N, C-alpha and C. Protein backbone atom coordinates (compact mmCIF):
# COMPACT_ATOMS: atom_id res chain seq x y z
N GLU A 1 41.52 1.91 100.00
CA GLU A 1 42.92 1.58 100.33
C GLU A 1 43.04 0.07 100.53
N LEU A 2 44.04 -0.53 99.88
CA LEU A 2 44.30 -1.96 100.05
C LEU A 2 45.13 -2.17 101.30
N LYS A 3 44.63 -3.00 102.20
CA LYS A 3 45.30 -3.26 103.47
C LYS A 3 45.86 -4.68 103.49
N GLY A 4 46.91 -4.88 104.24
CA GLY A 4 47.46 -6.21 104.44
C GLY A 4 48.62 -6.57 103.55
N VAL A 5 49.01 -5.67 102.62
CA VAL A 5 50.16 -5.96 101.76
C VAL A 5 51.41 -5.94 102.64
N PRO A 6 52.24 -6.97 102.60
CA PRO A 6 53.42 -7.01 103.47
C PRO A 6 54.35 -5.82 103.24
N LEU A 7 54.93 -5.34 104.32
CA LEU A 7 55.88 -4.25 104.23
C LEU A 7 57.21 -4.72 103.66
N ARG A 8 57.51 -6.02 103.88
CA ARG A 8 58.73 -6.61 103.33
C ARG A 8 58.37 -7.47 102.12
N ALA A 9 59.31 -7.65 101.24
CA ALA A 9 59.05 -8.44 100.03
C ALA A 9 58.89 -9.92 100.35
N VAL A 10 59.53 -10.37 101.44
CA VAL A 10 59.48 -11.78 101.82
C VAL A 10 58.97 -11.90 103.25
N VAL A 11 57.94 -12.74 103.44
CA VAL A 11 57.39 -12.97 104.78
C VAL A 11 57.24 -14.48 104.99
N ASN A 12 57.00 -14.87 106.25
CA ASN A 12 56.82 -16.30 106.53
C ASN A 12 55.47 -16.59 107.16
N THR A 13 54.51 -15.69 106.95
CA THR A 13 53.15 -15.88 107.46
C THR A 13 52.14 -15.68 106.34
N ALA A 14 50.91 -16.08 106.58
CA ALA A 14 49.85 -15.87 105.60
C ALA A 14 49.64 -14.38 105.35
N VAL A 15 49.27 -14.04 104.13
CA VAL A 15 48.98 -12.65 103.78
C VAL A 15 47.46 -12.53 103.63
N ARG A 16 46.88 -11.59 104.35
CA ARG A 16 45.42 -11.40 104.36
C ARG A 16 45.12 -9.99 103.85
N LEU A 17 44.62 -9.92 102.63
CA LEU A 17 44.34 -8.63 101.99
C LEU A 17 42.88 -8.24 102.20
N SER A 18 42.64 -6.95 102.38
CA SER A 18 41.27 -6.43 102.51
C SER A 18 41.28 -4.96 102.10
N PHE A 19 40.11 -4.37 102.03
CA PHE A 19 39.99 -2.95 101.69
C PHE A 19 39.52 -2.16 102.90
N SER A 20 39.90 -0.89 102.95
CA SER A 20 39.46 -0.04 104.05
C SER A 20 37.96 0.24 103.97
N ASP A 21 37.36 0.14 102.78
CA ASP A 21 35.92 0.33 102.58
C ASP A 21 35.29 -1.05 102.36
N LYS A 22 34.35 -1.45 103.22
CA LYS A 22 33.75 -2.79 103.16
C LYS A 22 32.90 -3.01 101.91
N ASP A 23 32.57 -1.96 101.15
CA ASP A 23 31.79 -2.13 99.92
C ASP A 23 32.65 -2.60 98.75
N PHE A 24 33.96 -2.61 98.91
CA PHE A 24 34.85 -3.14 97.87
C PHE A 24 35.03 -4.64 98.11
N LEU A 25 34.98 -5.42 97.04
CA LEU A 25 35.13 -6.87 97.13
C LEU A 25 36.14 -7.38 96.12
N PHE A 26 36.85 -8.42 96.49
CA PHE A 26 37.72 -9.13 95.55
C PHE A 26 36.85 -10.09 94.76
N CYS A 27 37.26 -10.35 93.51
CA CYS A 27 36.52 -11.30 92.68
C CYS A 27 37.51 -12.21 91.96
N VAL A 28 37.29 -13.50 92.11
CA VAL A 28 38.08 -14.49 91.38
C VAL A 28 37.12 -15.39 90.62
N THR A 29 37.60 -15.93 89.53
CA THR A 29 36.78 -16.81 88.72
C THR A 29 37.18 -18.25 88.97
N ALA A 30 36.19 -19.08 89.37
CA ALA A 30 36.44 -20.50 89.64
C ALA A 30 36.65 -21.25 88.34
N LYS A 31 37.12 -22.48 88.43
CA LYS A 31 37.38 -23.28 87.24
C LYS A 31 36.12 -23.52 86.41
N ASP A 32 34.96 -23.56 87.08
CA ASP A 32 33.71 -23.78 86.34
C ASP A 32 33.11 -22.49 85.79
N GLY A 33 33.84 -21.38 85.94
CA GLY A 33 33.38 -20.11 85.38
C GLY A 33 32.62 -19.23 86.34
N ARG A 34 32.27 -19.73 87.52
CA ARG A 34 31.54 -18.91 88.50
C ARG A 34 32.45 -17.83 89.07
N LYS A 35 31.86 -16.66 89.34
CA LYS A 35 32.61 -15.57 89.97
C LYS A 35 32.38 -15.65 91.47
N LEU A 36 33.48 -15.63 92.21
CA LEU A 36 33.42 -15.70 93.66
C LEU A 36 33.86 -14.37 94.25
N PHE A 37 33.03 -13.80 95.12
CA PHE A 37 33.30 -12.49 95.72
C PHE A 37 33.61 -12.65 97.20
N SER A 38 34.54 -11.84 97.67
CA SER A 38 34.90 -11.89 99.09
C SER A 38 35.52 -10.56 99.51
N PRO A 39 35.24 -10.12 100.75
CA PRO A 39 35.88 -8.90 101.26
C PRO A 39 37.34 -9.12 101.67
N VAL A 40 37.74 -10.40 101.73
CA VAL A 40 39.10 -10.75 102.17
C VAL A 40 39.71 -11.72 101.16
N PHE A 41 40.99 -11.53 100.86
CA PHE A 41 41.72 -12.42 99.96
C PHE A 41 42.95 -12.89 100.72
N THR A 42 43.02 -14.20 101.00
CA THR A 42 44.12 -14.75 101.81
C THR A 42 45.00 -15.67 100.97
N VAL A 43 46.31 -15.51 101.15
CA VAL A 43 47.29 -16.37 100.49
C VAL A 43 48.15 -17.00 101.57
N ASP A 44 48.26 -18.34 101.53
CA ASP A 44 49.09 -19.04 102.52
C ASP A 44 49.67 -20.30 101.87
N ILE A 45 50.68 -20.87 102.51
CA ILE A 45 51.31 -22.10 102.02
C ILE A 45 51.58 -23.01 103.21
N LEU A 46 51.97 -24.24 102.91
CA LEU A 46 52.29 -25.21 103.95
C LEU A 46 53.68 -24.93 104.51
N GLU A 47 53.91 -25.40 105.74
CA GLU A 47 55.23 -25.29 106.35
C GLU A 47 56.26 -26.01 105.48
N GLY A 48 57.45 -25.44 105.38
CA GLY A 48 58.51 -26.06 104.59
C GLY A 48 58.43 -25.78 103.11
N ASP A 49 57.60 -24.80 102.71
CA ASP A 49 57.43 -24.49 101.29
C ASP A 49 57.62 -22.98 101.09
N ALA A 50 57.74 -22.58 99.83
CA ALA A 50 57.86 -21.16 99.48
C ALA A 50 57.05 -20.90 98.22
N PHE A 51 56.49 -19.69 98.11
CA PHE A 51 55.61 -19.37 96.99
C PHE A 51 55.68 -17.87 96.70
N GLY A 52 55.90 -17.54 95.45
CA GLY A 52 55.89 -16.14 95.03
C GLY A 52 54.53 -15.80 94.43
N PHE A 53 53.89 -14.74 94.93
CA PHE A 53 52.56 -14.35 94.45
C PHE A 53 52.66 -13.00 93.74
N SER A 54 52.15 -12.95 92.52
CA SER A 54 52.07 -11.70 91.77
C SER A 54 51.06 -11.90 90.64
N GLN A 55 49.82 -11.49 90.88
CA GLN A 55 48.80 -11.64 89.85
C GLN A 55 47.69 -10.62 90.05
N ASN A 56 46.96 -10.38 88.99
CA ASN A 56 45.86 -9.41 89.05
C ASN A 56 44.66 -10.03 89.76
N ILE A 57 44.04 -9.25 90.63
CA ILE A 57 42.81 -9.65 91.31
C ILE A 57 41.75 -8.59 90.99
N ASP A 58 40.66 -9.01 90.41
CA ASP A 58 39.59 -8.07 90.08
C ASP A 58 38.98 -7.47 91.34
N VAL A 59 38.59 -6.19 91.21
CA VAL A 59 38.00 -5.47 92.33
C VAL A 59 36.63 -4.94 91.91
N TYR A 60 35.63 -5.18 92.77
CA TYR A 60 34.26 -4.71 92.51
C TYR A 60 33.82 -3.78 93.64
N TYR A 61 33.03 -2.77 93.25
CA TYR A 61 32.45 -1.86 94.24
C TYR A 61 30.94 -1.85 94.04
N LYS A 62 30.22 -2.36 95.02
CA LYS A 62 28.76 -2.46 94.95
C LYS A 62 28.31 -3.13 93.66
N GLY A 63 29.00 -4.22 93.32
CA GLY A 63 28.62 -5.03 92.17
C GLY A 63 29.15 -4.56 90.84
N ILE A 64 29.89 -3.46 90.81
CA ILE A 64 30.42 -2.92 89.56
C ILE A 64 31.94 -3.05 89.56
N LYS A 65 32.47 -3.62 88.49
CA LYS A 65 33.92 -3.81 88.41
C LYS A 65 34.62 -2.46 88.32
N GLN A 66 35.66 -2.30 89.15
CA GLN A 66 36.42 -1.06 89.21
C GLN A 66 37.80 -1.19 88.57
N GLY A 67 38.23 -2.41 88.33
CA GLY A 67 39.57 -2.64 87.79
C GLY A 67 40.18 -3.82 88.51
N SER A 68 41.46 -3.73 88.78
CA SER A 68 42.15 -4.82 89.47
C SER A 68 43.34 -4.28 90.26
N VAL A 69 43.78 -5.10 91.19
CA VAL A 69 45.00 -4.79 91.95
C VAL A 69 45.97 -5.94 91.70
N ARG A 70 47.26 -5.65 91.84
CA ARG A 70 48.27 -6.68 91.61
C ARG A 70 49.32 -6.64 92.73
N PRO A 71 49.00 -7.21 93.88
CA PRO A 71 50.01 -7.27 94.95
C PRO A 71 51.09 -8.29 94.61
N SER A 72 52.30 -8.02 95.05
CA SER A 72 53.43 -8.93 94.82
C SER A 72 54.18 -9.16 96.12
N PHE A 73 54.41 -10.42 96.45
CA PHE A 73 55.14 -10.76 97.66
C PHE A 73 55.56 -12.22 97.58
N ILE A 74 56.42 -12.62 98.48
CA ILE A 74 56.87 -14.01 98.58
C ILE A 74 56.58 -14.50 99.99
N ILE A 75 55.92 -15.66 100.07
CA ILE A 75 55.75 -16.32 101.36
C ILE A 75 56.76 -17.47 101.41
N ASP A 76 57.65 -17.40 102.36
CA ASP A 76 58.74 -18.38 102.48
C ASP A 76 58.69 -19.00 103.87
N LYS A 77 58.38 -20.28 103.93
CA LYS A 77 58.35 -20.99 105.22
C LYS A 77 59.41 -22.09 105.28
N ILE A 78 60.48 -21.92 104.52
CA ILE A 78 61.57 -22.89 104.52
C ILE A 78 62.64 -22.41 105.52
N PRO A 79 62.88 -23.17 106.58
CA PRO A 79 63.89 -22.72 107.55
C PRO A 79 65.29 -22.80 106.96
N PRO A 80 66.15 -21.88 107.35
CA PRO A 80 67.55 -21.94 106.85
C PRO A 80 68.31 -23.07 107.51
N ALA A 81 69.43 -23.41 106.95
CA ALA A 81 70.30 -24.42 107.56
C ALA A 81 70.88 -23.85 108.86
N PRO A 82 71.09 -24.69 109.86
CA PRO A 82 71.70 -24.21 111.11
C PRO A 82 73.10 -23.68 110.84
N PRO A 83 73.58 -22.77 111.67
CA PRO A 83 74.96 -22.30 111.50
C PRO A 83 75.96 -23.40 111.81
N ALA A 84 77.14 -23.29 111.23
CA ALA A 84 78.20 -24.28 111.47
C ALA A 84 79.25 -23.65 112.39
N PHE A 85 79.63 -24.39 113.42
CA PHE A 85 80.72 -23.98 114.31
C PHE A 85 82.03 -24.50 113.73
N ILE A 86 83.01 -23.62 113.64
CA ILE A 86 84.35 -24.02 113.19
C ILE A 86 85.33 -23.64 114.29
N SER A 87 86.03 -24.64 114.82
CA SER A 87 86.93 -24.42 115.95
C SER A 87 88.38 -24.45 115.49
N SER A 88 89.21 -23.67 116.17
CA SER A 88 90.64 -23.67 115.87
C SER A 88 91.31 -24.94 116.40
N GLU A 89 90.59 -25.71 117.24
CA GLU A 89 91.10 -26.97 117.77
C GLU A 89 90.31 -28.13 117.16
N SER A 90 90.99 -29.19 116.79
CA SER A 90 90.31 -30.32 116.16
C SER A 90 89.65 -31.25 117.18
N GLY A 91 90.17 -31.30 118.39
CA GLY A 91 89.63 -32.20 119.41
C GLY A 91 88.68 -31.50 120.37
N PHE A 92 88.00 -32.31 121.18
CA PHE A 92 87.07 -31.77 122.19
C PHE A 92 87.83 -31.07 123.31
N TYR A 93 88.97 -31.66 123.71
CA TYR A 93 89.80 -31.08 124.76
C TYR A 93 90.90 -30.23 124.12
N ALA A 94 91.07 -29.02 124.61
CA ALA A 94 92.07 -28.11 124.06
C ALA A 94 93.06 -27.72 125.16
N ARG A 95 94.32 -27.57 124.77
CA ARG A 95 95.36 -27.17 125.72
C ARG A 95 95.58 -25.66 125.73
N ASP A 96 94.92 -24.96 124.83
CA ASP A 96 95.11 -23.52 124.72
C ASP A 96 93.78 -22.86 124.39
N SER A 97 93.75 -21.56 124.41
CA SER A 97 92.53 -20.82 124.08
C SER A 97 92.02 -21.24 122.70
N VAL A 98 90.70 -21.15 122.51
CA VAL A 98 90.07 -21.62 121.27
C VAL A 98 89.36 -20.46 120.58
N GLN A 99 89.64 -20.33 119.30
CA GLN A 99 88.92 -19.36 118.47
C GLN A 99 87.80 -20.11 117.74
N VAL A 100 86.58 -19.65 117.91
CA VAL A 100 85.43 -20.27 117.27
C VAL A 100 84.85 -19.30 116.26
N SER A 101 84.54 -19.79 115.09
CA SER A 101 83.83 -18.96 114.11
C SER A 101 82.54 -19.66 113.72
N LEU A 102 81.53 -18.88 113.38
CA LEU A 102 80.25 -19.42 112.96
C LEU A 102 79.96 -18.96 111.55
N THR A 103 79.46 -19.86 110.72
CA THR A 103 79.13 -19.52 109.35
C THR A 103 77.69 -19.91 109.05
N SER A 104 77.04 -19.07 108.24
CA SER A 104 75.66 -19.33 107.84
C SER A 104 75.32 -18.40 106.68
N ASP A 105 74.33 -18.80 105.87
CA ASP A 105 73.84 -17.93 104.80
C ASP A 105 72.84 -16.91 105.32
N ALA A 106 72.46 -17.02 106.59
CA ALA A 106 71.49 -16.11 107.20
C ALA A 106 72.12 -15.44 108.42
N ASP A 107 71.36 -14.58 109.09
CA ASP A 107 71.86 -13.96 110.32
C ASP A 107 72.01 -15.04 111.39
N ILE A 108 73.01 -14.85 112.25
CA ILE A 108 73.29 -15.82 113.31
C ILE A 108 72.99 -15.19 114.67
N TYR A 109 72.27 -15.95 115.48
CA TYR A 109 72.01 -15.56 116.86
C TYR A 109 72.65 -16.62 117.75
N TYR A 110 73.33 -16.19 118.81
CA TYR A 110 74.04 -17.15 119.65
C TYR A 110 73.88 -16.82 121.12
N TYR A 111 74.18 -17.81 121.94
CA TYR A 111 74.14 -17.65 123.40
C TYR A 111 75.31 -18.42 123.97
N ALA A 112 76.07 -17.78 124.85
CA ALA A 112 77.18 -18.43 125.55
C ALA A 112 76.73 -18.72 126.98
N ALA A 113 76.61 -19.99 127.31
CA ALA A 113 76.20 -20.38 128.66
C ALA A 113 77.30 -20.01 129.65
N PRO A 114 76.96 -19.85 130.93
CA PRO A 114 78.00 -19.55 131.92
C PRO A 114 79.10 -20.61 131.88
N VAL A 115 80.33 -20.15 131.96
CA VAL A 115 81.49 -21.06 131.92
C VAL A 115 81.54 -21.84 133.23
N ILE A 116 81.80 -23.14 133.12
CA ILE A 116 81.91 -23.99 134.30
C ILE A 116 83.39 -24.32 134.52
N LYS A 117 83.83 -24.17 135.78
CA LYS A 117 85.25 -24.34 136.11
C LYS A 117 85.46 -25.59 136.96
N SER A 118 86.62 -26.19 136.78
CA SER A 118 86.98 -27.37 137.59
C SER A 118 88.50 -27.47 137.66
N GLN A 119 89.02 -27.68 138.88
CA GLN A 119 90.47 -27.84 139.03
C GLN A 119 90.92 -29.25 138.69
N THR A 120 89.98 -30.19 138.67
CA THR A 120 90.33 -31.58 138.39
C THR A 120 89.94 -32.02 136.98
N GLY A 121 89.45 -31.11 136.18
CA GLY A 121 89.10 -31.44 134.80
C GLY A 121 87.67 -31.96 134.65
N PHE A 122 87.33 -32.39 133.45
CA PHE A 122 85.98 -32.87 133.14
C PHE A 122 86.05 -34.20 132.41
N THR A 123 85.38 -35.21 132.96
CA THR A 123 85.27 -36.47 132.26
C THR A 123 83.99 -36.45 131.42
N ALA A 124 83.83 -37.46 130.58
CA ALA A 124 82.62 -37.55 129.76
C ALA A 124 81.38 -37.67 130.64
N VAL A 125 81.51 -38.39 131.76
CA VAL A 125 80.37 -38.55 132.69
C VAL A 125 80.04 -37.20 133.33
N ASP A 126 81.07 -36.43 133.71
CA ASP A 126 80.84 -35.10 134.28
C ASP A 126 80.05 -34.22 133.31
N ILE A 127 80.48 -34.22 132.07
CA ILE A 127 79.86 -33.36 131.06
C ILE A 127 78.43 -33.79 130.78
N GLN A 128 78.19 -35.10 130.74
CA GLN A 128 76.84 -35.59 130.51
C GLN A 128 75.91 -35.13 131.64
N LYS A 129 76.37 -35.21 132.87
CA LYS A 129 75.56 -34.79 134.02
C LYS A 129 75.31 -33.28 133.97
N ILE A 130 76.33 -32.51 133.62
CA ILE A 130 76.17 -31.05 133.52
C ILE A 130 75.12 -30.71 132.46
N ASN A 131 75.17 -31.40 131.32
CA ASN A 131 74.21 -31.12 130.25
C ASN A 131 72.79 -31.51 130.65
N GLU A 132 72.65 -32.61 131.38
CA GLU A 132 71.32 -33.04 131.82
C GLU A 132 70.71 -32.06 132.82
N GLU A 133 71.54 -31.44 133.63
CA GLU A 133 71.05 -30.53 134.67
C GLU A 133 71.01 -29.08 134.22
N ALA A 134 71.50 -28.79 133.03
CA ALA A 134 71.53 -27.41 132.54
C ALA A 134 70.11 -26.89 132.30
N PRO A 135 69.83 -25.64 132.66
CA PRO A 135 68.50 -25.07 132.40
C PRO A 135 68.28 -24.89 130.89
N ASN A 136 67.02 -24.90 130.49
CA ASN A 136 66.69 -24.70 129.08
C ASN A 136 67.07 -23.29 128.65
N VAL A 137 67.58 -23.19 127.44
CA VAL A 137 67.95 -21.88 126.90
C VAL A 137 66.67 -21.20 126.38
N LYS A 138 66.50 -19.93 126.72
CA LYS A 138 65.30 -19.19 126.32
C LYS A 138 65.59 -18.32 125.10
N ASP A 139 64.55 -17.98 124.37
CA ASP A 139 64.71 -17.14 123.18
C ASP A 139 65.39 -15.81 123.51
N GLU A 140 65.04 -15.24 124.65
CA GLU A 140 65.61 -13.93 125.01
C GLU A 140 67.08 -14.01 125.40
N ASP A 141 67.62 -15.21 125.57
CA ASP A 141 69.05 -15.36 125.89
C ASP A 141 69.94 -15.11 124.67
N PHE A 142 69.39 -15.30 123.47
CA PHE A 142 70.19 -15.19 122.25
C PHE A 142 70.37 -13.74 121.83
N VAL A 143 71.55 -13.44 121.30
CA VAL A 143 71.84 -12.12 120.74
C VAL A 143 72.40 -12.31 119.33
N ARG A 144 72.21 -11.31 118.51
CA ARG A 144 72.70 -11.39 117.13
C ARG A 144 74.22 -11.30 117.12
N LEU A 145 74.83 -12.20 116.37
CA LEU A 145 76.29 -12.19 116.24
C LEU A 145 76.68 -11.09 115.27
N ALA A 146 77.32 -10.08 115.80
CA ALA A 146 77.76 -8.96 114.97
C ALA A 146 79.19 -8.63 115.38
N GLY A 147 80.08 -8.69 114.41
CA GLY A 147 81.47 -8.38 114.73
C GLY A 147 82.29 -9.63 115.00
N LYS A 148 83.00 -9.62 116.13
CA LYS A 148 83.96 -10.68 116.43
C LYS A 148 83.27 -11.99 116.78
N ASN A 149 83.91 -13.09 116.36
CA ASN A 149 83.46 -14.42 116.74
C ASN A 149 83.93 -14.74 118.16
N PRO A 150 83.29 -15.72 118.81
CA PRO A 150 83.66 -16.06 120.19
C PRO A 150 85.11 -16.51 120.32
N TYR A 151 85.74 -16.04 121.38
CA TYR A 151 87.11 -16.44 121.72
C TYR A 151 87.05 -17.06 123.11
N LEU A 152 87.40 -18.34 123.21
CA LEU A 152 87.27 -19.08 124.47
C LEU A 152 88.62 -19.14 125.14
N LYS A 153 88.79 -18.33 126.15
CA LYS A 153 90.09 -18.15 126.79
C LYS A 153 90.40 -19.29 127.76
N ALA A 154 91.67 -19.66 127.82
CA ALA A 154 92.12 -20.72 128.74
C ALA A 154 92.24 -20.16 130.15
N GLY A 155 91.96 -21.01 131.15
CA GLY A 155 92.15 -20.63 132.54
C GLY A 155 93.60 -20.84 132.94
N GLU A 156 94.03 -20.16 134.00
CA GLU A 156 95.42 -20.28 134.43
C GLU A 156 95.64 -21.52 135.31
N LYS A 157 94.67 -21.84 136.19
CA LYS A 157 94.86 -22.93 137.15
C LYS A 157 93.68 -23.90 137.18
N GLU A 158 92.82 -23.84 136.18
CA GLU A 158 91.63 -24.70 136.19
C GLU A 158 91.16 -24.97 134.77
N ALA A 159 90.40 -26.05 134.65
CA ALA A 159 89.79 -26.40 133.37
C ALA A 159 88.49 -25.62 133.21
N LEU A 160 88.17 -25.26 131.96
CA LEU A 160 86.95 -24.49 131.69
C LEU A 160 86.11 -25.24 130.66
N LEU A 161 84.84 -25.41 130.98
CA LEU A 161 83.90 -26.02 130.04
C LEU A 161 83.05 -24.91 129.42
N TYR A 162 83.19 -24.77 128.11
CA TYR A 162 82.42 -23.76 127.37
C TYR A 162 81.28 -24.43 126.61
N THR A 163 80.12 -23.79 126.62
CA THR A 163 78.96 -24.27 125.86
C THR A 163 78.35 -23.09 125.11
N LEU A 164 78.27 -23.23 123.80
CA LEU A 164 77.67 -22.19 122.95
C LEU A 164 76.47 -22.77 122.21
N TYR A 165 75.46 -21.94 122.03
CA TYR A 165 74.27 -22.32 121.26
C TYR A 165 74.09 -21.29 120.15
N ALA A 166 73.54 -21.72 119.02
CA ALA A 166 73.32 -20.77 117.92
C ALA A 166 72.21 -21.26 117.00
N TYR A 167 71.59 -20.31 116.32
CA TYR A 167 70.62 -20.63 115.27
C TYR A 167 70.71 -19.57 114.18
N SER A 168 70.18 -19.90 113.00
CA SER A 168 70.15 -18.97 111.87
C SER A 168 68.75 -18.38 111.73
N LEU A 169 68.68 -17.14 111.29
CA LEU A 169 67.40 -16.46 111.06
C LEU A 169 67.47 -15.78 109.70
N ASP A 170 66.57 -16.18 108.76
CA ASP A 170 66.62 -15.60 107.41
C ASP A 170 65.76 -14.35 107.30
N THR A 171 65.78 -13.72 106.13
CA THR A 171 65.08 -12.44 105.94
C THR A 171 63.57 -12.57 106.07
N ALA A 172 63.03 -13.77 105.85
CA ALA A 172 61.58 -13.97 105.98
C ALA A 172 61.17 -14.16 107.43
N GLY A 173 62.16 -14.38 108.32
CA GLY A 173 61.86 -14.61 109.72
C GLY A 173 61.86 -16.07 110.12
N ASN A 174 62.30 -16.95 109.23
CA ASN A 174 62.37 -18.38 109.55
C ASN A 174 63.61 -18.67 110.37
N ARG A 175 63.45 -19.55 111.36
CA ARG A 175 64.55 -19.93 112.24
C ARG A 175 64.99 -21.35 111.98
N SER A 176 66.28 -21.58 112.07
CA SER A 176 66.80 -22.95 111.97
C SER A 176 66.68 -23.62 113.33
N ALA A 177 67.03 -24.89 113.36
CA ALA A 177 67.16 -25.59 114.64
C ALA A 177 68.35 -24.99 115.40
N VAL A 178 68.31 -25.10 116.71
CA VAL A 178 69.41 -24.62 117.55
C VAL A 178 70.50 -25.70 117.57
N VAL A 179 71.75 -25.28 117.38
CA VAL A 179 72.88 -26.20 117.45
C VAL A 179 73.76 -25.82 118.64
N ARG A 180 74.47 -26.81 119.16
CA ARG A 180 75.30 -26.59 120.35
C ARG A 180 76.75 -26.94 120.05
N PHE A 181 77.64 -26.17 120.64
CA PHE A 181 79.07 -26.43 120.55
C PHE A 181 79.62 -26.46 121.97
N GLN A 182 80.42 -27.48 122.28
CA GLN A 182 81.05 -27.58 123.59
C GLN A 182 82.52 -27.91 123.43
N THR A 183 83.29 -27.39 124.34
CA THR A 183 84.70 -27.75 124.38
C THR A 183 85.24 -27.52 125.79
N VAL A 184 86.26 -28.28 126.14
CA VAL A 184 86.96 -28.08 127.41
C VAL A 184 88.33 -27.50 127.09
N VAL A 185 88.63 -26.36 127.70
CA VAL A 185 89.95 -25.76 127.57
C VAL A 185 90.66 -26.00 128.89
N ASP A 186 91.69 -26.84 128.86
CA ASP A 186 92.33 -27.28 130.10
C ASP A 186 93.85 -27.27 129.91
N THR A 187 94.50 -26.37 130.62
CA THR A 187 95.97 -26.29 130.55
C THR A 187 96.62 -26.99 131.74
N VAL A 188 95.81 -27.57 132.63
CA VAL A 188 96.32 -28.15 133.87
C VAL A 188 96.33 -29.68 133.83
N ASN A 189 95.20 -30.26 133.45
CA ASN A 189 95.04 -31.71 133.51
C ASN A 189 95.30 -32.35 132.15
N TYR A 190 95.63 -33.63 132.19
CA TYR A 190 95.87 -34.39 130.97
C TYR A 190 94.84 -35.52 130.87
N TYR A 191 94.42 -35.81 129.64
CA TYR A 191 93.39 -36.81 129.43
C TYR A 191 93.95 -37.90 128.51
N ALA A 192 93.67 -39.16 128.87
CA ALA A 192 94.13 -40.27 128.05
C ALA A 192 92.94 -41.02 127.53
N ALA A 193 92.96 -41.31 126.24
CA ALA A 193 91.88 -42.09 125.64
C ALA A 193 92.13 -43.56 125.91
N SER A 194 91.06 -44.30 126.22
CA SER A 194 91.22 -45.73 126.48
C SER A 194 91.55 -46.44 125.17
N PRO A 195 92.39 -47.47 125.22
CA PRO A 195 92.76 -48.17 123.98
C PRO A 195 91.56 -48.88 123.38
N ALA A 196 91.54 -48.99 122.07
CA ALA A 196 90.43 -49.67 121.40
C ALA A 196 90.46 -51.14 121.72
N VAL A 197 89.28 -51.73 121.90
CA VAL A 197 89.17 -53.16 122.20
C VAL A 197 89.23 -53.94 120.88
N CYS A 198 90.16 -54.91 120.80
CA CYS A 198 90.31 -55.68 119.56
C CYS A 198 89.51 -56.96 119.65
């Protein structure tokens, strides 16, 4: 029995083939014509690359050729592009609830940090300090985005700071970098941009 053939057509780890009976050996021919025998046949690639494998490998049993096997699989170590956040509001500060959608060619996993409230609003300095003191997001915090996209509701008497994190996960198991989206939904306070210095 040939062991180690991936259950999925695409994987992101090395494939290590072997036989259930140790008397069976793989045989490959080197460029100089020598036959090389091994109980294990490993296929791997560098990070950031992809490779499709499908070729005959000779099989020997106690020194006698028995035929060949032809495993087929793809090793893909190319991470997908991060998901893109698309907001219903063009600016960082919103006067009404915000509809956020996420797009990606792969599955999306996201995490919504606890909402932070303030009756006096949030300045850029406030937000910077909040981000510096925020705990690190853990892998187990993320959930697969299935169904509705996040809807960031406005508060009645206070400003709300929303922070969302997301990453993409492809069929091979490769993860993108984590991206962050932040917005302040504030129906109470008004913010003025400082005039540009000429």
